[in-house]
Amino acid sequence: MSEQNPQGGNPGKPNNLDPAFFTCVNEYLELTNRQSKQQGLKRISVASLYAAARFNAHVYLSVEGDVPASRKEFLDYMTNMYRRMLNEHIDGLGSERGIEVGESELAAEYAAAAAAQQAAGDGTDA
């Protein structure tokens, strides 16, 4: 399952995702924002994580042919993907809101991407 990407792109490169993916994300966020007004941010944060874990377990058990053999790989894949997405959102939202968030775990990757973009703009090979 780790080689499949149901979003239609690379989760680390949101610009490659299908616009319908962001429609789905926005609808989900609208729901969580409404619920957080009644239940509080922390409670809905935990509820969202719980629901995501339950749904992802359902999908995994529905599509994976050899659960015992792939369970650890699946857990590692999902954990790493979530950590990366969380880092990206802390960095992005922090920047948008003018909040100092400390050094990103993705700082070296961001620097490499910026250098590659600059090299491409200069007409030189990276």
Protein backbone atom coordinates (compact mmCIF):
# COMPACT_ATOMS: atom_id res chain seq x y z
CA MET A 1 0.00 0.00 0.00
CA SER A 2 2.90 2.36 0.59
CA GLU A 3 3.52 2.78 -3.11
CA GLN A 4 -0.05 3.83 -3.82
CA ASN A 5 -1.06 7.45 -3.58
CA PRO A 6 -4.83 7.80 -3.72
CA GLN A 7 -4.59 11.59 -3.74
CA GLY A 8 -3.23 11.52 -7.28
CA GLY A 9 0.14 13.11 -6.55
CA ASN A 10 3.07 13.29 -4.20
CA PRO A 11 1.96 14.20 -0.65
CA GLY A 12 5.16 16.22 -0.26
CA LYS A 13 4.34 18.28 -3.34
CA PRO A 14 0.83 19.67 -2.88
CA ASN A 15 0.86 21.52 -6.22
CA ASN A 16 0.71 18.15 -7.99
CA LEU A 17 -2.52 17.09 -6.30
CA ASP A 18 -5.87 16.93 -8.04
CA PRO A 19 -8.04 20.00 -7.21
CA ALA A 20 -10.82 17.62 -6.10
CA PHE A 21 -8.48 16.49 -3.31
CA PHE A 22 -8.42 20.03 -1.90
CA THR A 23 -12.21 20.30 -2.21
CA CYS A 24 -12.47 17.21 -0.01
CA VAL A 25 -9.91 18.60 2.47
CA ASN A 26 -11.72 21.94 2.66
CA GLU A 27 -15.09 20.25 3.27
CA TYR A 28 -13.54 18.23 6.08
CA LEU A 29 -11.95 21.35 7.59
CA GLU A 30 -15.27 23.20 7.45
CA LEU A 31 -16.84 20.36 9.45
CA THR A 32 -14.05 20.32 12.03
CA ASN A 33 -14.18 24.10 12.38
CA ARG A 34 -17.94 23.96 13.05
CA GLN A 35 -17.50 21.15 15.56
CA SER A 36 -14.61 22.89 17.34
CA LYS A 37 -16.87 25.86 18.09
CA GLN A 38 -19.09 23.51 20.11
CA GLN A 39 -16.56 20.98 21.40
CA GLY A 40 -13.29 22.94 21.56
CA LEU A 41 -10.16 22.77 19.41
CA LYS A 42 -8.29 20.11 21.40
CA ARG A 43 -11.25 17.72 21.59
CA ILE A 44 -11.90 17.95 17.85
CA SER A 45 -8.18 17.58 17.12
CA VAL A 46 -8.16 14.26 18.99
CA ALA A 47 -11.47 13.21 17.42
CA SER A 48 -10.05 13.95 13.96
CA LEU A 49 -6.94 11.87 14.63
CA TYR A 50 -9.04 9.04 15.99
CA ALA A 51 -11.34 9.12 12.96
CA ALA A 52 -8.38 9.26 10.56
CA ALA A 53 -6.72 6.30 12.27
CA ARG A 54 -9.95 4.29 12.17
CA PHE A 55 -10.61 5.08 8.52
CA ASN A 56 -7.01 4.37 7.47
CA ALA A 57 -7.10 1.04 9.34
CA HIS A 58 -10.35 0.22 7.51
CA VAL A 59 -8.83 1.06 4.12
CA TYR A 60 -5.65 -0.88 4.87
CA LEU A 61 -7.53 -3.98 5.99
CA SER A 62 -9.81 -3.70 2.95
CA VAL A 63 -7.08 -3.50 0.32
CA GLU A 64 -4.02 -5.23 1.76
CA GLY A 65 -3.64 -8.89 0.88
CA ASP A 66 -1.02 -9.79 3.48
CA VAL A 67 -1.64 -7.75 6.62
CA PRO A 68 0.76 -9.63 8.91
CA ALA A 69 3.65 -9.19 6.48
CA SER A 70 3.01 -5.53 5.67
CA ARG A 71 1.69 -4.13 8.95
CA LYS A 72 4.99 -2.61 10.16
CA GLU A 73 5.74 -1.09 6.75
CA PHE A 74 2.25 0.39 6.61
CA LEU A 75 2.52 1.87 10.12
CA ASP A 76 5.93 3.36 9.32
CA TYR A 77 4.65 4.80 6.04
CA MET A 78 1.58 6.40 7.61
CA THR A 79 3.53 7.73 10.61
CA ASN A 80 6.21 9.29 8.40
CA MET A 81 3.63 10.79 6.06
CA TYR A 82 1.70 12.35 8.96
CA ARG A 83 4.88 13.75 10.53
CA ARG A 84 5.87 15.31 7.21
CA MET A 85 2.42 16.83 6.64
CA LEU A 86 2.36 18.19 10.19
CA ASN A 87 5.81 19.75 9.71
CA GLU A 88 4.73 21.33 6.43
CA HIS A 89 1.60 22.82 8.02
CA ILE A 90 3.45 24.12 11.09
CA ASP A 91 5.95 25.78 8.76
CA GLY A 92 3.33 27.17 6.39
CA LEU A 93 0.76 28.35 8.91
CA GLY A 94 3.49 29.75 11.16
CA SER A 95 4.83 31.75 8.24
CA GLU A 96 1.36 32.95 7.18
CA ARG A 97 0.54 34.03 10.73
CA GLY A 98 3.94 35.55 11.51
CA ILE A 99 4.61 33.03 14.30
CA GLU A 100 8.17 31.86 15.01
CA VAL A 101 8.01 28.05 14.90
CA GLY A 102 11.67 27.14 15.26
CA GLU A 103 13.77 25.22 12.77
CA SER A 104 11.83 22.83 10.60
CA GLU A 105 12.75 19.18 10.31
CA LEU A 106 12.39 19.85 6.59
CA ALA A 107 14.82 22.81 6.50
CA ALA A 108 17.50 20.96 4.51
CA GLU A 109 14.90 19.78 2.01
CA TYR A 110 13.49 23.31 1.64
CA ALA A 111 17.01 24.67 1.06
CA ALA A 112 17.76 22.03 -1.58
CA ALA A 113 14.48 22.78 -3.37
CA ALA A 114 15.19 26.53 -3.32
CA ALA A 115 18.71 25.94 -4.67
CA ALA A 116 17.35 23.72 -7.45
CA GLN A 117 14.71 26.32 -8.33
CA GLN A 118 17.31 29.08 -8.38
CA ALA A 119 19.63 26.96 -10.56
CA ALA A 120 16.76 26.23 -12.96
CA GLY A 121 15.97 29.95 -13.13
CA ASP A 122 19.63 30.73 -13.84
CA GLY A 123 19.71 28.22 -16.67
CA THR A 124 22.38 26.13 -14.94
CA ASP A 125 22.15 22.47 -14.03
CA ALA A 126 21.64 21.55 -10.38
